[in-house]
Every structure is written in C-alpha cells, then in structure tokens.
Amino acid sequence: MFGGSLQRIASVARKETVHIRRDPVTFFFALALPLVEMFMLGYAIDTNVRHIRTVVLNECGTQEAAQLLQSFENSEDFNFVGQVNNDQEMYDAIVTGRAKVAIKIPADYSRQLERGQTAQVLIMVDGSESSVAGEAVNVANAIALQESLKQVLGQHPLPIDSRPRVLFNPDTRSPNFFIPGLMVVLSQMMATMLTANAVVREKEMGTLEQMFMTPVRAREVMVGKMLPYFALTFIEFTGIATFMRLVFHVPIHGSFFTLLVIAIPFALTCLALGLTISTRASTRDAASQMVIGTVMPCIFLSGYIFPVDSMPWIFRQISWILPTTWQVDAARGVILRGAGWAELWPHCLILWCMAIVLVTLATLRFRKRLS
C-alpha cells in the first residue's frame, strides 16, 4: 500500500516535471529571471550614500573658508557640482534637483573665527530622500565638530580617541548585506508563485478533475506537485549562492550545508503557502495577485530591507510569524557572521513548526476544495 502511494506520487511528480519542461516561460521564471533580478539589484542597490550633488555659495573667499570646503570634499560624501551667486540660486538648485545639498559660507566667517566667536555655516539639504538627507546632515555635523575641535584645541591631541571596528562586513559593502536576503526573497517568490499557478492551471484546463477520477488521492497529488518545485527551489537557491560568490565576491564564512538544512522547512512553507493560495484562486491572474499580496509583507517586515528592531511594536510581533524573517537571519548568520548549527538550530525548529502548520492547512483546504 505504501509502495503504491509512492508510485502515484512519483507519477504526479513526473507529470508536473513534463509540464515544466514544456513551458519555457515557467522554466525561465524559475531559474533565469531570479538571477537577472539579483544581478540588477546587486549592482543597483547601495546603502552607502556617497558623492551627494552639492552646490556652494562662498561669500567669504578666505583660506579658512577654502579649508572648510576642502574638508567636505575630502569626505567623499559630497560632490561639488557648481558654484551659485546668491541665496535664490542656491534654493533653485535644490528645487530643480540639480543638487541635493547647498553650502553657504557667509562673508563674516573668517572674522568670527578670529574673534573667537561662533561662525555659522548654512547647509540646506533636500529632505525628499531620507537616506541622502540623513547622511548629509550627519556628515556635515561631524565635519563641523571636527573643525571646531581644531579651532579650540589647536595642536593638542584629542582627549578621547574612538576606534570603531566593524565585524563581518568591514568595508560595509551593500552586496554583502542585501544579496543573502535577496536570495531568500527570490526563492520564496518563485516557490510560492509557481506552486499556486501550477494547481490553478490544472483547474483552468479541467485536468485536475480528470486526475481525481484515477486512484490518486488528494494528498498524493499535493505532494507530487510540490516535489518538482521543491527541487527547483533548491536549484535556484544554490544557483543564486554560486552567483553571489563568483560575481559579487560575497564571502561565505559559515557552512553552506547548514543553511541548506534550514532552507528545507522554509521551502516547504513557501510551497504549502502556494498550494493554499491555489485553493482560493480560480484563475492564474488572481493567484498571482494573491501571491504578491502575501509576499510583499514578508519582504518589508522580515528585516531584509528595514531592521526589525526599528519597527513599531505591532509590526515586530508580525515579523516573528513570517518564515522569511527567520530564513533571512539564518542566511546572513551563515554567510556573513559565520554562525553554525549551534547558533541557528532555533531558526530551523521554528521554520519546521511553520512548515508543519502550513502543510497541514494546505492539505485540509486542498482536500476540501476537491471534494
């Protein structure tokens, strides 16, 4: 009896594999498109804000003013794109988008310094891009503090010497941070989308009802349909990891085998989610919309883009019930921090609990739908 069940599951899996082989669009979406997306996002996304377009209104023209502007330019955060002649031109440069920052050094800047008084420098920042604005304000304040200390202390050394040490990603490369999470997100989207569309396609063609006129049971159909996409998910996962290592030179400090073990329940969770969606959707367009509506919160609340700790309390609680949160943290733990099984076994346990719940739910809904 058990052997017959395995044969029926294998038959359904072979049938689904034939569908995938005969549909080049599905195959492209499953394997090639995620690599293309990773290539574009890996090179396009850079959290290190540099070379902010800056215009200067220098009404002083002294050596002290030139030294201050040189400090801004040497930071590599500001890229001087031109000089302006008055306040209106400085404002217009930001409004038109020609510059993100404008620096105004008043005519009495050097005289105020010579008198030992506070010399004010106006720095206008475009706040329409919060990351750029935050970086510009922080660096400008740091430069102002540094120049102030030089004026006060002269040649005396600073009383406190801070030497930060960045672990795991000392160069703060954006690909090192984004691509491990992107690998998880793309795998989830592919697994959920393809599984949901595969079952809905059968319903649209009327072949699903024909299949159940055979001795194949509902759970055998579900398992048989999941197997090919489970294999595709792992092929994509390892393919992206290989691409990440060879093209973007992201080092893998831990055991990749540990990450693959943790990815097993994560893949099952995504596939079960796709099957659950397929029981509610009647067309492939509806299934695709439901998948996007399900995956998007996982992307934004998982810590892939925004830190979970900085979210409001209610969203932090939601993030803990998302499988993406645990898999993204596991991927960064293995790849960046060199974490092993001793540190990540709770992630695997939680993902297995999620997988069991979702697979059970998908099985019940699948059986109810077909009955």
Protein backbone atom coordinates (compact mmCIF):
# COMPACT_ATOMS: atom_id res chain seq x y z
CA MET A 1 0.00 0.00 0.00
CA PHE A 2 2.81 2.37 0.91
CA GLY A 3 4.68 1.43 -2.25
CA GLY A 4 1.60 2.14 -4.37
CA SER A 5 1.24 5.56 -2.77
CA LEU A 6 4.85 6.37 -3.60
CA GLN A 7 4.29 5.26 -7.19
CA ARG A 8 1.26 7.54 -7.52
CA ILE A 9 3.19 10.46 -6.02
CA ALA A 10 6.06 9.80 -8.44
CA SER A 11 3.60 9.71 -11.35
CA VAL A 12 2.16 13.10 -10.40
CA ALA A 13 5.68 14.49 -9.95
CA ARG A 14 6.71 13.21 -13.40
CA LYS A 15 3.60 14.75 -14.93
CA GLU A 16 4.39 18.11 -13.32
CA THR A 17 8.01 17.89 -14.45
CA VAL A 18 6.83 17.36 -18.02
CA HIS A 19 4.66 20.49 -17.70
CA ILE A 20 7.68 22.49 -16.56
CA ARG A 21 9.87 21.17 -19.38
CA ARG A 22 7.22 22.01 -21.98
CA ASP A 23 6.71 25.51 -20.63
CA PRO A 24 9.89 27.54 -21.26
CA VAL A 25 8.32 30.64 -19.69
CA THR A 26 7.91 28.81 -16.38
CA PHE A 27 11.45 27.48 -16.56
CA PHE A 28 12.80 30.96 -17.31
CA PHE A 29 10.81 32.45 -14.42
CA ALA A 30 12.04 29.73 -12.08
CA LEU A 31 15.77 29.88 -12.82
CA ALA A 32 16.92 32.64 -15.17
CA LEU A 33 14.76 35.58 -14.07
CA PRO A 34 15.84 35.48 -10.38
CA LEU A 35 19.49 35.58 -11.46
CA VAL A 36 18.78 38.57 -13.72
CA GLU A 37 16.96 40.33 -10.88
CA MET A 38 19.78 39.60 -8.46
CA PHE A 39 22.32 40.92 -10.96
CA MET A 40 20.41 44.20 -11.38
CA LEU A 41 19.59 44.71 -7.71
CA GLY A 42 23.04 43.64 -6.55
CA TYR A 43 24.68 46.37 -8.59
CA ALA A 44 21.91 48.98 -8.30
CA ILE A 45 21.31 48.91 -4.53
CA ASP A 46 23.93 50.69 -2.46
CA THR A 47 23.14 51.72 1.10
CA ASN A 48 26.39 53.65 1.35
CA VAL A 49 25.43 57.18 0.36
CA ARG A 50 28.33 58.82 -1.42
CA HIS A 51 29.02 61.71 -3.80
CA ILE A 52 25.94 63.77 -2.94
CA ARG A 53 25.49 66.51 -5.52
CA THR A 54 26.37 69.81 -3.80
CA VAL A 55 26.45 73.48 -4.79
CA VAL A 56 28.44 76.13 -2.91
CA LEU A 57 27.78 79.78 -2.13
CA ASN A 58 31.12 81.06 -0.80
CA GLU A 59 30.68 84.71 0.22
CA CYS A 60 33.85 84.71 2.30
CA GLY A 61 36.55 83.56 -0.11
CA THR A 62 39.27 83.26 2.55
CA GLN A 63 41.71 80.45 3.25
CA GLU A 64 39.63 79.30 6.24
CA ALA A 65 36.56 79.00 4.04
CA ALA A 66 38.52 77.07 1.42
CA GLN A 67 39.80 74.66 4.12
CA LEU A 68 36.26 74.04 5.32
CA LEU A 69 35.03 73.28 1.81
CA GLN A 70 38.04 71.01 1.29
CA SER A 71 37.01 69.04 4.38
CA PHE A 72 33.57 68.49 2.85
CA GLU A 73 35.05 67.38 -0.45
CA ASN A 74 37.64 65.08 1.15
CA SER A 75 34.90 63.19 2.97
CA GLU A 76 33.78 61.77 -0.43
CA ASP A 77 30.20 62.19 0.72
CA PHE A 78 29.82 65.50 -1.11
CA ASN A 79 30.44 66.08 -4.80
CA PHE A 80 30.67 69.77 -5.70
CA VAL A 81 28.79 70.28 -8.96
CA GLY A 82 28.91 74.06 -9.16
CA GLN A 83 29.00 77.50 -7.59
CA VAL A 84 25.98 79.76 -7.09
CA ASN A 85 25.90 83.52 -6.68
CA ASN A 86 23.03 84.17 -4.27
CA ASP A 87 20.51 82.55 -1.95
CA GLN A 88 17.85 82.23 -4.65
CA GLU A 89 20.16 80.32 -6.98
CA MET A 90 21.13 78.07 -4.09
CA TYR A 91 17.46 77.32 -3.36
CA ASP A 92 16.61 76.80 -7.04
CA ALA A 93 19.45 74.29 -7.43
CA ILE A 94 17.80 72.06 -4.84
CA VAL A 95 14.25 72.57 -6.14
CA THR A 96 15.23 71.62 -9.68
CA GLY A 97 17.14 68.55 -8.47
CA ARG A 98 20.50 69.76 -9.75
CA ALA A 99 21.83 69.43 -6.20
CA LYS A 100 20.81 67.63 -3.03
CA VAL A 101 22.86 69.86 -0.71
CA ALA A 102 23.79 73.54 -0.74
CA ILE A 103 26.54 75.01 1.46
CA LYS A 104 26.64 78.73 2.22
CA ILE A 105 29.68 80.27 3.90
CA PRO A 106 28.82 83.86 4.97
CA ALA A 107 31.10 86.82 4.36
CA ASP A 108 32.00 87.19 8.06
CA TYR A 109 33.02 83.53 8.54
CA SER A 110 36.76 84.18 8.99
CA ARG A 111 36.23 87.34 11.06
CA GLN A 112 34.04 85.44 13.51
CA LEU A 113 36.71 82.76 13.90
CA GLU A 114 39.43 85.36 14.52
CA ARG A 115 37.32 86.98 17.24
CA GLY A 116 36.76 83.61 18.92
CA GLN A 117 33.06 83.79 18.22
CA THR A 118 30.74 81.21 16.65
CA ALA A 119 30.93 81.22 12.86
CA GLN A 120 27.71 79.97 11.28
CA VAL A 121 27.58 77.92 8.07
CA LEU A 122 24.25 77.29 6.36
CA ILE A 123 23.73 73.80 4.94
CA MET A 124 20.49 73.26 3.01
CA VAL A 125 19.55 69.61 2.48
CA ASP A 126 16.93 68.10 0.18
CA GLY A 127 14.72 66.06 2.52
CA SER A 128 12.77 64.28 -0.24
CA GLU A 129 15.21 61.34 0.03
CA SER A 130 15.53 60.49 3.70
CA SER A 131 18.65 58.32 3.40
CA VAL A 132 20.54 61.01 1.50
CA ALA A 133 19.33 63.74 3.84
CA GLY A 134 20.28 61.77 6.95
CA GLU A 135 23.77 61.02 5.65
CA ALA A 136 24.31 64.65 4.59
CA VAL A 137 23.24 66.02 7.97
CA ASN A 138 25.32 63.51 9.95
CA VAL A 139 28.49 64.05 7.92
CA ALA A 140 28.06 67.83 7.93
CA ASN A 141 27.69 67.85 11.71
CA ALA A 142 30.75 65.62 12.06
CA ILE A 143 32.84 67.93 9.86
CA ALA A 144 31.66 70.98 11.79
CA LEU A 145 32.57 69.29 15.08
CA GLN A 146 35.98 68.33 13.75
CA GLU A 147 36.72 71.86 12.54
CA SER A 148 35.52 73.27 15.87
CA LEU A 149 37.87 71.00 17.80
CA LYS A 150 40.75 72.12 15.62
CA GLN A 151 39.99 75.74 16.45
CA VAL A 152 39.67 75.08 20.19
CA LEU A 153 42.48 72.59 20.75
CA GLY A 154 44.93 73.76 18.14
CA GLN A 155 47.86 71.32 18.09
CA HIS A 156 46.82 69.47 21.25
CA PRO A 157 45.71 65.85 20.79
CA LEU A 158 42.08 64.91 21.34
CA PRO A 159 41.38 63.62 24.87
CA ILE A 160 39.38 60.63 23.56
CA ASP A 161 40.35 58.52 20.56
CA SER A 162 37.46 56.36 19.33
CA ARG A 163 38.38 53.49 17.02
CA PRO A 164 35.27 51.62 15.83
CA ARG A 165 35.74 48.12 14.48
CA VAL A 166 33.13 46.78 12.06
CA LEU A 167 32.82 42.98 12.22
CA PHE A 168 31.83 40.60 9.39
CA ASN A 169 31.48 43.34 6.73
CA PRO A 170 34.29 45.81 7.48
CA ASP A 171 34.03 47.54 4.10
CA THR A 172 30.24 47.95 4.59
CA ARG A 173 29.63 46.59 1.08
CA SER A 174 25.93 46.69 0.18
CA PRO A 175 26.00 43.38 -1.79
CA ASN A 176 27.27 41.59 1.33
CA PHE A 177 24.19 42.79 3.20
CA PHE A 178 21.49 42.64 0.53
CA ILE A 179 22.23 39.55 -1.54
CA PRO A 180 21.90 36.92 1.24
CA GLY A 181 18.43 38.30 1.97
CA LEU A 182 17.66 38.69 -1.73
CA MET A 183 18.48 35.01 -2.21
CA VAL A 184 15.76 34.12 0.32
CA VAL A 185 13.17 36.55 -1.05
CA LEU A 186 13.58 35.45 -4.67
CA SER A 187 13.36 31.78 -3.71
CA GLN A 188 10.20 32.41 -1.71
CA MET A 189 8.56 34.34 -4.53
CA MET A 190 9.43 31.69 -7.11
CA ALA A 191 8.29 28.75 -4.97
CA THR A 192 5.00 30.36 -3.96
CA MET A 193 4.16 31.74 -7.39
CA LEU A 194 4.91 28.60 -9.37
CA THR A 195 3.11 26.26 -6.98
CA ALA A 196 -0.02 28.44 -6.88
CA ASN A 197 -0.13 28.81 -10.66
CA ALA A 198 0.54 25.13 -11.28
CA VAL A 199 -2.61 23.99 -9.47
CA VAL A 200 -4.77 26.81 -10.84
CA ARG A 201 -3.57 25.94 -14.35
CA GLU A 202 -4.85 22.40 -13.85
CA LYS A 203 -8.24 23.75 -12.74
CA GLU A 204 -8.46 26.09 -15.75
CA MET A 205 -7.66 23.25 -18.14
CA GLY A 206 -10.01 20.82 -16.40
CA THR A 207 -7.27 18.22 -15.96
CA LEU A 208 -7.34 18.30 -12.16
CA GLU A 209 -10.82 16.77 -12.04
CA GLN A 210 -9.76 14.13 -14.54
CA MET A 211 -6.82 13.24 -12.35
CA PHE A 212 -9.10 12.54 -9.41
CA MET A 213 -11.06 10.04 -11.42
CA THR A 214 -7.93 7.92 -11.06
CA PRO A 215 -6.89 6.16 -7.81
CA VAL A 216 -4.63 9.09 -6.90
CA ARG A 217 -5.57 10.66 -3.57
CA ALA A 218 -5.64 14.38 -2.78
CA ARG A 219 -2.58 14.32 -0.54
CA GLU A 220 -0.66 12.34 -3.17
CA VAL A 221 -1.50 14.96 -5.79
CA MET A 222 -0.37 17.71 -3.43
CA VAL A 223 2.93 16.01 -2.58
CA GLY A 224 3.54 15.04 -6.20
CA LYS A 225 3.03 18.62 -7.37
CA MET A 226 5.29 20.00 -4.64
CA LEU A 227 8.27 17.76 -5.37
CA PRO A 228 9.40 19.29 -8.72
CA TYR A 229 9.08 22.82 -7.34
CA PHE A 230 10.88 21.80 -4.16
CA ALA A 231 13.79 20.69 -6.35
CA LEU A 232 13.59 23.90 -8.42
CA THR A 233 13.66 25.99 -5.24
CA PHE A 234 16.89 24.35 -4.12
CA ILE A 235 18.42 24.65 -7.59
CA GLU A 236 17.61 28.35 -7.59
CA PHE A 237 18.84 28.78 -4.00
CA THR A 238 22.22 27.20 -4.72
CA GLY A 239 22.44 28.93 -8.12
CA ILE A 240 21.98 32.35 -6.56
CA ALA A 241 24.51 31.48 -3.86
CA THR A 242 27.04 30.47 -6.53
CA PHE A 243 26.32 33.65 -8.48
CA MET A 244 26.66 35.66 -5.27
CA ARG A 245 30.07 34.14 -4.54
CA LEU A 246 31.56 34.28 -8.05
CA VAL A 247 30.13 37.55 -9.40
CA PHE A 248 29.67 39.73 -6.31
CA HIS A 249 32.53 38.15 -4.32
CA VAL A 250 30.44 37.84 -1.15
CA PRO A 251 32.40 35.56 1.23
CA ILE A 252 30.60 32.65 2.92
CA HIS A 253 32.05 32.44 6.42
CA GLY A 254 29.93 29.55 7.70
CA SER A 255 28.85 26.12 6.48
CA PHE A 256 26.57 26.42 3.47
CA PHE A 257 25.30 22.90 4.20
CA THR A 258 23.84 24.25 7.47
CA LEU A 259 21.97 26.90 5.51
CA LEU A 260 20.62 24.27 3.10
CA VAL A 261 19.32 22.20 6.01
CA ILE A 262 17.50 25.24 7.40
CA ALA A 263 16.16 26.02 3.92
CA ILE A 264 14.28 22.68 3.75
CA PRO A 265 11.40 23.70 6.08
CA PHE A 266 11.45 27.20 4.60
CA ALA A 267 10.91 25.80 1.09
CA LEU A 268 8.12 23.53 2.34
CA THR A 269 6.45 26.53 3.98
CA CYS A 270 6.56 28.54 0.74
CA LEU A 271 5.25 25.64 -1.34
CA ALA A 272 2.42 25.00 1.13
CA LEU A 273 1.55 28.68 1.03
CA GLY A 274 1.33 28.50 -2.76
CA LEU A 275 -0.97 25.46 -2.56
CA THR A 276 -3.18 27.22 0.00
CA ILE A 277 -3.48 30.21 -2.34
CA SER A 278 -4.35 27.88 -5.23
CA THR A 279 -7.37 26.54 -3.33
CA ARG A 280 -8.82 30.06 -3.12
CA ALA A 281 -7.93 31.40 -6.57
CA SER A 282 -9.86 30.43 -9.68
CA THR A 283 -7.55 31.99 -12.28
CA ARG A 284 -3.81 32.38 -12.63
CA ASP A 285 -4.12 36.17 -12.58
CA ALA A 286 -5.96 36.02 -9.26
CA ALA A 287 -3.37 33.59 -7.90
CA SER A 288 -0.52 35.90 -8.93
CA GLN A 289 -2.15 38.87 -7.22
CA MET A 290 -2.68 36.87 -4.03
CA VAL A 291 0.94 35.73 -4.08
CA ILE A 292 2.19 39.30 -4.46
CA GLY A 293 -0.13 40.45 -1.67
CA THR A 294 1.30 37.70 0.55
CA VAL A 295 4.97 38.02 -0.33
CA MET A 296 5.23 41.82 -0.15
CA PRO A 297 4.65 42.00 3.65
CA CYS A 298 7.29 39.28 4.03
CA ILE A 299 9.78 41.43 2.13
CA PHE A 300 9.17 44.63 4.09
CA LEU A 301 8.67 43.14 7.57
CA SER A 302 11.34 40.42 7.54
CA GLY A 303 14.33 42.68 8.16
CA TYR A 304 15.52 42.23 4.59
CA ILE A 305 15.31 45.98 3.92
CA PHE A 306 14.43 47.64 7.24
CA PRO A 307 15.76 46.50 10.65
CA VAL A 308 13.10 44.68 12.64
CA ASP A 309 14.16 46.38 15.88
CA SER A 310 13.34 49.82 14.44
CA MET A 311 9.74 48.86 13.60
CA PRO A 312 6.73 49.69 15.79
CA TRP A 313 5.82 47.03 18.35
CA ILE A 314 2.88 45.54 16.43
CA PHE A 315 4.94 45.06 13.26
CA ARG A 316 7.79 43.47 15.22
CA GLN A 317 5.32 40.88 16.51
CA ILE A 318 4.08 40.22 12.96
CA SER A 319 7.63 39.81 11.71
CA TRP A 320 8.25 36.90 14.12
CA ILE A 321 5.48 34.81 12.49
CA LEU A 322 6.88 35.28 8.99
CA PRO A 323 9.15 32.46 7.75
CA THR A 324 11.14 34.98 5.71
CA THR A 325 12.33 36.70 8.90
CA TRP A 326 13.96 33.54 10.23
CA GLN A 327 15.42 32.43 6.90
CA VAL A 328 16.88 35.87 6.11
CA ASP A 329 18.53 35.99 9.54
CA ALA A 330 19.85 32.44 9.06
CA ALA A 331 21.27 33.33 5.63
CA ARG A 332 23.05 36.39 6.98
CA GLY A 333 24.17 34.41 10.00
CA VAL A 334 25.84 31.69 7.93
CA ILE A 335 27.15 33.86 5.09
CA LEU A 336 28.24 36.98 6.99
CA ARG A 337 28.67 36.09 10.65
CA GLY A 338 29.90 32.51 10.23
CA ALA A 339 27.17 31.16 12.51
CA GLY A 340 26.75 27.38 12.73
CA TRP A 341 24.16 24.84 13.79
CA ALA A 342 24.70 25.62 17.50
CA GLU A 343 23.53 29.20 16.94
CA LEU A 344 20.85 28.59 14.29
CA TRP A 345 19.03 25.43 15.37
CA PRO A 346 16.18 27.53 16.88
CA HIS A 347 15.61 29.02 13.41
CA CYS A 348 15.29 25.53 11.94
CA LEU A 349 12.92 24.42 14.69
CA ILE A 350 10.64 27.43 14.25
CA LEU A 351 10.61 27.00 10.46
CA TRP A 352 9.71 23.30 10.84
CA CYS A 353 6.78 24.27 13.07
CA MET A 354 5.62 26.79 10.45
CA ALA A 355 6.06 24.20 7.68
CA ILE A 356 4.03 21.56 9.53
CA VAL A 357 1.21 24.02 10.23
CA LEU A 358 1.05 25.34 6.67
CA VAL A 359 1.39 21.92 5.01
CA THR A 360 -1.43 20.62 7.22
CA LEU A 361 -3.58 23.63 6.40
CA ALA A 362 -2.85 23.28 2.69
CA THR A 363 -3.71 19.57 2.79
CA LEU A 364 -7.05 20.20 4.52
CA ARG A 365 -8.01 23.02 2.17
CA PHE A 366 -6.83 21.07 -0.86
CA ARG A 367 -8.91 18.07 0.12
CA LYS A 368 -11.95 20.22 0.92
CA ARG A 369 -11.70 22.10 -2.36
CA LEU A 370 -11.50 18.94 -4.40
CA SER A 371 -14.35 17.24 -2.55
